[in-house]
Amino acid sequence: LRASWFCQNFSENFLLEQVQSGTVALPTVDVREP
């Protein structure tokens, strides 16, 4: 199962605290991810 980035990265562990804080800060700009 070769998976793309999980939706749940925004709500379980990795990016959850950033979303809760109101700012998602990452080193990407226009790259699209399915």
PDB file of all heavy atoms in Angstrom:
ATOM      1  N   LEU A   1       0.865  -1.172   0.000  1.00  0.00           N
ATOM      2  CA  LEU A   1       0.000   0.000   0.000  1.00  0.00           C
ATOM      3  C   LEU A   1       0.906   1.228   0.000  1.00  0.00           C
ATOM      4  O   LEU A   1       1.473   1.591   1.029  1.00  0.00           O
ATOM      5  CB  LEU A   1      -0.911   0.023   1.236  1.00  0.00           C
ATOM      6  CG  LEU A   1      -1.626  -1.291   1.587  1.00  0.00           C
ATOM      7  CD1 LEU A   1      -2.557  -1.067   2.764  1.00  0.00           C
ATOM      8  CD2 LEU A   1      -2.369  -1.854   0.393  1.00  0.00           C
ATOM      9  N   ARG A   2       1.056   1.840  -1.159  1.00  0.00           N
ATOM     10  CA  ARG A   2       1.949   2.999  -1.294  1.00  0.00           C
ATOM     11  C   ARG A   2       1.095   4.266  -1.193  1.00  0.00           C
ATOM     12  O   ARG A   2       0.460   4.693  -2.152  1.00  0.00           O
ATOM     13  CB  ARG A   2       2.690   2.931  -2.626  1.00  0.00           C
ATOM     14  CG  ARG A   2       3.801   3.960  -2.767  1.00  0.00           C
ATOM     15  CD  ARG A   2       4.407   3.903  -4.159  1.00  0.00           C
ATOM     16  NE  ARG A   2       5.238   2.718  -4.354  1.00  0.00           N
ATOM     17  CZ  ARG A   2       5.744   2.354  -5.540  1.00  0.00           C
ATOM     18  NH1 ARG A   2       5.451   3.068  -6.622  1.00  0.00           N
ATOM     19  NH2 ARG A   2       6.512   1.283  -5.640  1.00  0.00           N
ATOM     20  N   ALA A   3       1.079   4.864  -0.023  1.00  0.00           N
ATOM     21  CA  ALA A   3       0.127   5.930   0.280  1.00  0.00           C
ATOM     22  C   ALA A   3       0.720   7.331   0.157  1.00  0.00           C
ATOM     23  O   ALA A   3       1.901   7.556   0.406  1.00  0.00           O
ATOM     24  CB  ALA A   3      -0.418   5.740   1.700  1.00  0.00           C
ATOM     25  N   SER A   4      -0.135   8.276  -0.218  1.00  0.00           N
ATOM     26  CA  SER A   4       0.227   9.689  -0.203  1.00  0.00           C
ATOM     27  C   SER A   4       0.093  10.201   1.233  1.00  0.00           C
ATOM     28  O   SER A   4      -0.183   9.441   2.164  1.00  0.00           O
ATOM     29  CB  SER A   4      -0.666  10.485  -1.160  1.00  0.00           C
ATOM     30  OG  SER A   4      -2.028  10.321  -0.833  1.00  0.00           O
ATOM     31  N   TRP A   5       0.276  11.502   1.424  1.00  0.00           N
ATOM     32  CA  TRP A   5       0.199  12.073   2.776  1.00  0.00           C
ATOM     33  C   TRP A   5      -1.196  11.888   3.349  1.00  0.00           C
ATOM     34  O   TRP A   5      -2.198  12.056   2.661  1.00  0.00           O
ATOM     35  CB  TRP A   5       0.552  13.562   2.734  1.00  0.00           C
ATOM     36  CG  TRP A   5       2.024  13.798   2.759  1.00  0.00           C
ATOM     37  CD1 TRP A   5       2.914  13.503   1.765  1.00  0.00           C
ATOM     38  CD2 TRP A   5       2.788  14.352   3.825  1.00  0.00           C
ATOM     39  NE1 TRP A   5       4.188  13.844   2.151  1.00  0.00           N
ATOM     40  CE2 TRP A   5       4.133  14.374   3.415  1.00  0.00           C
ATOM     41  CE3 TRP A   5       2.463  14.837   5.084  1.00  0.00           C
ATOM     42  CZ2 TRP A   5       5.164  14.853   4.219  1.00  0.00           C
ATOM     43  CZ3 TRP A   5       3.471  15.322   5.884  1.00  0.00           C
ATOM     44  CH2 TRP A   5       4.808  15.322   5.457  1.00  0.00           C
ATOM     45  N   PHE A   6      -1.244  11.537   4.633  1.00  0.00           N
ATOM     46  CA  PHE A   6      -2.520  11.279   5.298  1.00  0.00           C
ATOM     47  C   PHE A   6      -3.265  12.596   5.588  1.00  0.00           C
ATOM     48  O   PHE A   6      -2.667  13.564   6.071  1.00  0.00           O
ATOM     49  CB  PHE A   6      -2.317  10.579   6.642  1.00  0.00           C
ATOM     50  CG  PHE A   6      -1.587   9.271   6.583  1.00  0.00           C
ATOM     51  CD1 PHE A   6      -1.167   8.664   7.763  1.00  0.00           C
ATOM     52  CD2 PHE A   6      -1.314   8.636   5.386  1.00  0.00           C
ATOM     53  CE1 PHE A   6      -0.487   7.461   7.736  1.00  0.00           C
ATOM     54  CE2 PHE A   6      -0.639   7.435   5.343  1.00  0.00           C
ATOM     55  CZ  PHE A   6      -0.227   6.839   6.538  1.00  0.00           C
ATOM     56  N   CYS A   7      -4.557  12.605   5.360  1.00  0.00           N
ATOM     57  CA  CYS A   7      -5.377  13.724   5.841  1.00  0.00           C
ATOM     58  C   CYS A   7      -5.191  13.898   7.347  1.00  0.00           C
ATOM     59  O   CYS A   7      -5.111  15.016   7.864  1.00  0.00           O
ATOM     60  CB  CYS A   7      -6.850  13.447   5.553  1.00  0.00           C
ATOM     61  SG  CYS A   7      -7.316  13.280   3.821  1.00  0.00           S
ATOM     62  N   GLN A   8      -5.103  12.765   8.040  1.00  0.00           N
ATOM     63  CA  GLN A   8      -5.058  12.783   9.504  1.00  0.00           C
ATOM     64  C   GLN A   8      -3.784  13.391  10.074  1.00  0.00           C
ATOM     65  O   GLN A   8      -3.689  13.583  11.292  1.00  0.00           O
ATOM     66  CB  GLN A   8      -5.252  11.368  10.051  1.00  0.00           C
ATOM     67  CG  GLN A   8      -6.696  10.897  10.071  1.00  0.00           C
ATOM     68  CD  GLN A   8      -7.248  10.547   8.703  1.00  0.00           C
ATOM     69  OE1 GLN A   8      -6.538  10.468   7.708  1.00  0.00           O
ATOM     70  NE2 GLN A   8      -8.553  10.337   8.631  1.00  0.00           N
ATOM     71  N   ASN A   9      -2.805  13.734   9.224  1.00  0.00           N
ATOM     72  CA  ASN A   9      -1.640  14.452   9.743  1.00  0.00           C
ATOM     73  C   ASN A   9      -2.041  15.809  10.315  1.00  0.00           C
ATOM     74  O   ASN A   9      -1.311  16.389  11.116  1.00  0.00           O
ATOM     75  CB  ASN A   9      -0.592  14.649   8.639  1.00  0.00           C
ATOM     76  CG  ASN A   9       0.183  13.374   8.347  1.00  0.00           C
ATOM     77  OD1 ASN A   9       0.359  12.532   9.219  1.00  0.00           O
ATOM     78  ND2 ASN A   9       0.651  13.228   7.117  1.00  0.00           N
ATOM     79  N   PHE A  10      -3.200  16.315   9.903  1.00  0.00           N
ATOM     80  CA  PHE A  10      -3.676  17.592  10.417  1.00  0.00           C
ATOM     81  C   PHE A  10      -4.442  17.453  11.741  1.00  0.00           C
ATOM     82  O   PHE A  10      -4.737  18.461  12.378  1.00  0.00           O
ATOM     83  CB  PHE A  10      -4.600  18.271   9.395  1.00  0.00           C
ATOM     84  CG  PHE A  10      -3.895  18.783   8.176  1.00  0.00           C
ATOM     85  CD1 PHE A  10      -3.826  18.013   7.022  1.00  0.00           C
ATOM     86  CD2 PHE A  10      -3.308  20.039   8.175  1.00  0.00           C
ATOM     87  CE1 PHE A  10      -3.188  18.478   5.879  1.00  0.00           C
ATOM     88  CE2 PHE A  10      -2.662  20.516   7.042  1.00  0.00           C
ATOM     89  CZ  PHE A  10      -2.595  19.731   5.891  1.00  0.00           C
ATOM     90  N   SER A  11      -4.764  16.236  12.127  1.00  0.00           N
ATOM     91  CA  SER A  11      -5.600  16.071  13.326  1.00  0.00           C
ATOM     92  C   SER A  11      -5.081  15.041  14.315  1.00  0.00           C
ATOM     93  O   SER A  11      -5.618  14.920  15.423  1.00  0.00           O
ATOM     94  CB  SER A  11      -7.024  15.668  12.910  1.00  0.00           C
ATOM     95  OG  SER A  11      -7.002  14.520  12.066  1.00  0.00           O
ATOM     96  N   GLU A  12      -4.052  14.313  13.944  1.00  0.00           N
ATOM     97  CA  GLU A  12      -3.494  13.315  14.858  1.00  0.00           C
ATOM     98  C   GLU A  12      -1.979  13.490  14.900  1.00  0.00           C
ATOM     99  O   GLU A  12      -1.281  13.149  13.949  1.00  0.00           O
ATOM    100  CB  GLU A  12      -3.870  11.900  14.395  1.00  0.00           C
ATOM    101  CG  GLU A  12      -5.372  11.662  14.383  1.00  0.00           C
ATOM    102  CD  GLU A  12      -5.762  10.288  13.846  1.00  0.00           C
ATOM    103  OE1 GLU A  12      -4.910   9.370  13.842  1.00  0.00           O
ATOM    104  OE2 GLU A  12      -6.921  10.147  13.413  1.00  0.00           O
ATOM    105  N   ASN A  13      -1.504  14.024  15.974  1.00  0.00           N
ATOM    106  CA  ASN A  13      -0.078  14.220  16.221  1.00  0.00           C
ATOM    107  C   ASN A  13       0.535  15.348  15.409  1.00  0.00           C
ATOM    108  O   ASN A  13       0.432  16.506  15.784  1.00  0.00           O
ATOM    109  CB  ASN A  13       0.711  12.917  16.004  1.00  0.00           C
ATOM    110  CG  ASN A  13       0.212  11.801  16.901  1.00  0.00           C
ATOM    111  OD1 ASN A  13      -0.150  12.040  18.031  1.00  0.00           O
ATOM    112  ND2 ASN A  13       0.183  10.601  16.389  1.00  0.00           N
ATOM    113  N   PHE A  14       1.112  15.062  14.240  1.00  0.00           N
ATOM    114  CA  PHE A  14       2.056  15.930  13.552  1.00  0.00           C
ATOM    115  C   PHE A  14       1.643  17.409  13.466  1.00  0.00           C
ATOM    116  O   PHE A  14       2.310  18.286  13.997  1.00  0.00           O
ATOM    117  CB  PHE A  14       2.344  15.372  12.160  1.00  0.00           C
ATOM    118  CG  PHE A  14       3.273  16.201  11.324  1.00  0.00           C
ATOM    119  CD1 PHE A  14       4.391  16.791  11.891  1.00  0.00           C
ATOM    120  CD2 PHE A  14       3.023  16.392   9.985  1.00  0.00           C
ATOM    121  CE1 PHE A  14       5.258  17.562  11.114  1.00  0.00           C
ATOM    122  CE2 PHE A  14       3.884  17.146   9.208  1.00  0.00           C
ATOM    123  CZ  PHE A  14       4.996  17.744   9.786  1.00  0.00           C
ATOM    124  N   LEU A  15       0.529  17.707  12.811  1.00  0.00           N
ATOM    125  CA  LEU A  15       0.134  19.100  12.589  1.00  0.00           C
ATOM    126  C   LEU A  15      -1.027  19.546  13.474  1.00  0.00           C
ATOM    127  O   LEU A  15      -1.496  20.681  13.350  1.00  0.00           O
ATOM    128  CB  LEU A  15      -0.236  19.314  11.121  1.00  0.00           C
ATOM    129  CG  LEU A  15       0.912  19.168  10.125  1.00  0.00           C
ATOM    130  CD1 LEU A  15       0.388  19.248   8.696  1.00  0.00           C
ATOM    131  CD2 LEU A  15       1.968  20.238  10.357  1.00  0.00           C
ATOM    132  N   LEU A  16      -1.487  18.691  14.361  1.00  0.00           N
ATOM    133  CA  LEU A  16      -2.642  19.025  15.197  1.00  0.00           C
ATOM    134  C   LEU A  16      -2.421  20.293  16.011  1.00  0.00           C
ATOM    135  O   LEU A  16      -3.264  21.196  16.029  1.00  0.00           O
ATOM    136  CB  LEU A  16      -2.968  17.856  16.130  1.00  0.00           C
ATOM    137  CG  LEU A  16      -4.044  18.136  17.194  1.00  0.00           C
ATOM    138  CD1 LEU A  16      -5.356  18.551  16.534  1.00  0.00           C
ATOM    139  CD2 LEU A  16      -4.241  16.917  18.079  1.00  0.00           C
ATOM    140  N   GLU A  17      -1.289  20.382  16.682  1.00  0.00           N
ATOM    141  CA  GLU A  17      -1.042  21.548  17.539  1.00  0.00           C
ATOM    142  C   GLU A  17      -0.991  22.836  16.728  1.00  0.00           C
ATOM    143  O   GLU A  17      -1.456  23.891  17.176  1.00  0.00           O
ATOM    144  CB  GLU A  17       0.268  21.350  18.316  1.00  0.00           C
ATOM    145  CG  GLU A  17       0.443  22.315  19.464  1.00  0.00           C
ATOM    146  CD  GLU A  17       1.607  21.935  20.359  1.00  0.00           C
ATOM    147  OE1 GLU A  17       1.639  20.771  20.821  1.00  0.00           O
ATOM    148  OE2 GLU A  17       2.482  22.789  20.577  1.00  0.00           O
ATOM    149  N   GLN A  18      -0.442  22.761  15.500  1.00  0.00           N
ATOM    150  CA  GLN A  18      -0.394  23.947  14.653  1.00  0.00           C
ATOM    151  C   GLN A  18      -1.803  24.401  14.274  1.00  0.00           C
ATOM    152  O   GLN A  18      -2.118  25.594  14.312  1.00  0.00           O
ATOM    153  CB  GLN A  18       0.429  23.668  13.396  1.00  0.00           C
ATOM    154  CG  GLN A  18       1.922  23.537  13.647  1.00  0.00           C
ATOM    155  CD  GLN A  18       2.724  23.676  12.360  1.00  0.00           C
ATOM    156  OE1 GLN A  18       2.295  24.324  11.416  1.00  0.00           O
ATOM    157  NE2 GLN A  18       3.905  23.072  12.336  1.00  0.00           N
ATOM    158  N   VAL A  19      -2.657  23.444  13.889  1.00  0.00           N
ATOM    159  CA  VAL A  19      -4.035  23.797  13.536  1.00  0.00           C
ATOM    160  C   VAL A  19      -4.735  24.407  14.739  1.00  0.00           C
ATOM    161  O   VAL A  19      -5.419  25.438  14.633  1.00  0.00           O
ATOM    162  CB  VAL A  19      -4.810  22.567  13.024  1.00  0.00           C
ATOM    163  CG1 VAL A  19      -6.277  22.930  12.786  1.00  0.00           C
ATOM    164  CG2 VAL A  19      -4.190  22.039  11.736  1.00  0.00           C
ATOM    165  N   GLN A  20      -4.563  23.814  15.901  1.00  0.00           N
ATOM    166  CA  GLN A  20      -5.194  24.336  17.113  1.00  0.00           C
ATOM    167  C   GLN A  20      -4.708  25.742  17.449  1.00  0.00           C
ATOM    168  O   GLN A  20      -5.468  26.565  17.966  1.00  0.00           O
ATOM    169  CB  GLN A  20      -4.927  23.392  18.283  1.00  0.00           C
ATOM    170  CG  GLN A  20      -5.643  22.058  18.185  1.00  0.00           C
ATOM    171  CD  GLN A  20      -5.229  21.087  19.294  1.00  0.00           C
ATOM    172  OE1 GLN A  20      -4.092  21.091  19.738  1.00  0.00           O
ATOM    173  NE2 GLN A  20      -6.152  20.249  19.717  1.00  0.00           N
ATOM    174  N   SER A  21      -3.450  26.014  17.145  1.00  0.00           N
ATOM    175  CA  SER A  21      -2.881  27.331  17.442  1.00  0.00           C
ATOM    176  C   SER A  21      -3.335  28.398  16.454  1.00  0.00           C
ATOM    177  O   SER A  21      -3.202  29.596  16.712  1.00  0.00           O
ATOM    178  CB  SER A  21      -1.349  27.261  17.438  1.00  0.00           C
ATOM    179  OG  SER A  21      -0.852  27.137  16.114  1.00  0.00           O
ATOM    180  N   GLY A  22      -3.856  27.961  15.287  1.00  0.00           N
ATOM    181  CA  GLY A  22      -4.326  28.910  14.293  1.00  0.00           C
ATOM    182  C   GLY A  22      -3.330  29.207  13.193  1.00  0.00           C
ATOM    183  O   GLY A  22      -3.620  29.992  12.287  1.00  0.00           O
ATOM    184  N   THR A  23      -2.155  28.577  13.233  1.00  0.00           N
ATOM    185  CA  THR A  23      -1.141  28.801  12.208  1.00  0.00           C
ATOM    186  C   THR A  23      -0.496  27.486  11.802  1.00  0.00           C
ATOM    187  O   THR A  23       0.069  26.785  12.641  1.00  0.00           O
ATOM    188  CB  THR A  23      -0.033  29.751  12.717  1.00  0.00           C
ATOM    189  OG1 THR A  23      -0.618  31.002  13.071  1.00  0.00           O
ATOM    190  CG2 THR A  23       1.007  29.982  11.632  1.00  0.00           C
ATOM    191  N   VAL A  24      -0.602  27.161  10.524  1.00  0.00           N
ATOM    192  CA  VAL A  24       0.077  25.990   9.967  1.00  0.00           C
ATOM    193  C   VAL A  24       1.282  26.510   9.194  1.00  0.00           C
ATOM    194  O   VAL A  24       1.128  27.198   8.182  1.00  0.00           O
ATOM    195  CB  VAL A  24      -0.850  25.178   9.046  1.00  0.00           C
ATOM    196  CG1 VAL A  24      -0.080  24.040   8.390  1.00  0.00           C
ATOM    197  CG2 VAL A  24      -2.036  24.638   9.839  1.00  0.00           C
ATOM    198  N   ALA A  25       2.473  26.228   9.677  1.00  0.00           N
ATOM    199  CA  ALA A  25       3.708  26.748   9.088  1.00  0.00           C
ATOM    200  C   ALA A  25       4.556  25.599   8.569  1.00  0.00           C
ATOM    201  O   ALA A  25       5.034  24.759   9.345  1.00  0.00           O
ATOM    202  CB  ALA A  25       4.484  27.557  10.125  1.00  0.00           C
ATOM    203  N   LEU A  26       4.760  25.546   7.236  1.00  0.00           N
ATOM    204  CA  LEU A  26       5.470  24.441   6.603  1.00  0.00           C
ATOM    205  C   LEU A  26       6.318  24.937   5.436  1.00  0.00           C
ATOM    206  O   LEU A  26       6.009  25.974   4.844  1.00  0.00           O
ATOM    207  CB  LEU A  26       4.468  23.396   6.082  1.00  0.00           C
ATOM    208  CG  LEU A  26       3.593  22.700   7.126  1.00  0.00           C
ATOM    209  CD1 LEU A  26       2.504  21.905   6.425  1.00  0.00           C
ATOM    210  CD2 LEU A  26       4.425  21.802   8.019  1.00  0.00           C
ATOM    211  N   PRO A  27       7.355  24.189   5.087  1.00  0.00           N
ATOM    212  CA  PRO A  27       8.220  24.597   3.969  1.00  0.00           C
ATOM    213  C   PRO A  27       7.712  24.126   2.611  1.00  0.00           C
ATOM    214  O   PRO A  27       8.402  23.445   1.868  1.00  0.00           O
ATOM    215  CB  PRO A  27       9.559  23.944   4.320  1.00  0.00           C
ATOM    216  CG  PRO A  27       9.174  22.701   5.029  1.00  0.00           C
ATOM    217  CD  PRO A  27       7.933  23.049   5.821  1.00  0.00           C
ATOM    218  N   THR A  28       6.463  24.448   2.292  1.00  0.00           N
ATOM    219  CA  THR A  28       5.915  24.176   0.969  1.00  0.00           C
ATOM    220  C   THR A  28       5.095  25.387   0.550  1.00  0.00           C
ATOM    221  O   THR A  28       4.575  26.111   1.393  1.00  0.00           O
ATOM    222  CB  THR A  28       5.001  22.938   0.963  1.00  0.00           C
ATOM    223  OG1 THR A  28       3.912  23.161   1.869  1.00  0.00           O
ATOM    224  CG2 THR A  28       5.757  21.687   1.381  1.00  0.00           C
ATOM    225  N   VAL A  29       4.975  25.596  -0.741  1.00  0.00           N
ATOM    226  CA  VAL A  29       4.204  26.740  -1.213  1.00  0.00           C
ATOM    227  C   VAL A  29       3.079  26.266  -2.139  1.00  0.00           C
ATOM    228  O   VAL A  29       1.931  26.194  -1.758  1.00  0.00           O
ATOM    229  CB  VAL A  29       5.110  27.763  -1.938  1.00  0.00           C
ATOM    230  CG1 VAL A  29       4.286  28.984  -2.338  1.00  0.00           C
ATOM    231  CG2 VAL A  29       6.252  28.202  -1.028  1.00  0.00           C
ATOM    232  N   ASP A  30       3.428  25.909  -3.382  1.00  0.00           N
ATOM    233  CA  ASP A  30       2.404  25.609  -4.378  1.00  0.00           C
ATOM    234  C   ASP A  30       2.304  24.132  -4.755  1.00  0.00           C
ATOM    235  O   ASP A  30       1.547  23.788  -5.661  1.00  0.00           O
ATOM    236  CB  ASP A  30       2.665  26.422  -5.652  1.00  0.00           C
ATOM    237  CG  ASP A  30       2.550  27.917  -5.386  1.00  0.00           C
ATOM    238  OD1 ASP A  30       1.687  28.300  -4.582  1.00  0.00           O
ATOM    239  OD2 ASP A  30       3.331  28.682  -5.973  1.00  0.00           O
ATOM    240  N   VAL A  31       3.071  23.278  -4.118  1.00  0.00           N
ATOM    241  CA  VAL A  31       3.030  21.854  -4.466  1.00  0.00           C
ATOM    242  C   VAL A  31       1.682  21.261  -4.067  1.00  0.00           C
ATOM    243  O   VAL A  31       1.201  21.478  -2.948  1.00  0.00           O
ATOM    244  CB  VAL A  31       4.171  21.094  -3.770  1.00  0.00           C
ATOM    245  CG1 VAL A  31       4.027  19.589  -3.988  1.00  0.00           C
ATOM    246  CG2 VAL A  31       5.510  21.577  -4.280  1.00  0.00           C
ATOM    247  N   ARG A  32       1.097  20.493  -4.969  1.00  0.00           N
ATOM    248  CA  ARG A  32      -0.194  19.861  -4.693  1.00  0.00           C
ATOM    249  C   ARG A  32      -0.001  18.419  -4.244  1.00  0.00           C
ATOM    250  O   ARG A  32       0.834  17.706  -4.790  1.00  0.00           O
ATOM    251  CB  ARG A  32      -1.098  19.912  -5.938  1.00  0.00           C
ATOM    252  CG  ARG A  32      -1.501  21.326  -6.306  1.00  0.00           C
ATOM    253  CD  ARG A  32      -2.502  21.380  -7.444  1.00  0.00           C
ATOM    254  NE  ARG A  32      -2.925  22.759  -7.655  1.00  0.00           N
ATOM    255  CZ  ARG A  32      -3.899  23.350  -6.971  1.00  0.00           C
ATOM    256  NH1 ARG A  32      -4.570  22.649  -6.066  1.00  0.00           N
ATOM    257  NH2 ARG A  32      -4.214  24.601  -7.205  1.00  0.00           N
ATOM    258  N   GLU A  33      -0.782  18.029  -3.266  1.00  0.00           N
ATOM    259  CA  GLU A  33      -0.706  16.680  -2.707  1.00  0.00           C
ATOM    260  C   GLU A  33      -2.111  16.082  -2.670  1.00  0.00           C
ATOM    261  O   GLU A  33      -3.041  16.693  -2.147  1.00  0.00           O
ATOM    262  CB  GLU A  33      -0.122  16.732  -1.290  1.00  0.00           C
ATOM    263  CG  GLU A  33      -0.071  15.405  -0.560  1.00  0.00           C
ATOM    264  CD  GLU A  33       0.941  14.431  -1.138  1.00  0.00           C
ATOM    265  OE1 GLU A  33       1.806  14.856  -1.933  1.00  0.00           O
ATOM    266  OE2 GLU A  33       0.875  13.235  -0.780  1.00  0.00           O
ATOM    267  N   PRO A  34      -2.303  14.867  -3.205  1.00  0.00           N
ATOM    268  CA  PRO A  34      -3.617  14.211  -3.164  1.00  0.00           C
ATOM    269  C   PRO A  34      -3.809  13.468  -1.842  1.00  0.00           C
ATOM    270  O   PRO A  34      -3.757  12.240  -1.783  1.00  0.00           O
ATOM    271  CB  PRO A  34      -3.574  13.259  -4.358  1.00  0.00           C
ATOM    272  CG  PRO A  34      -2.122  12.912  -4.493  1.00  0.00           C
ATOM    273  CD  PRO A  34      -1.349  14.115  -4.038  1.00  0.00           C
TER     274      PRO A  34
END
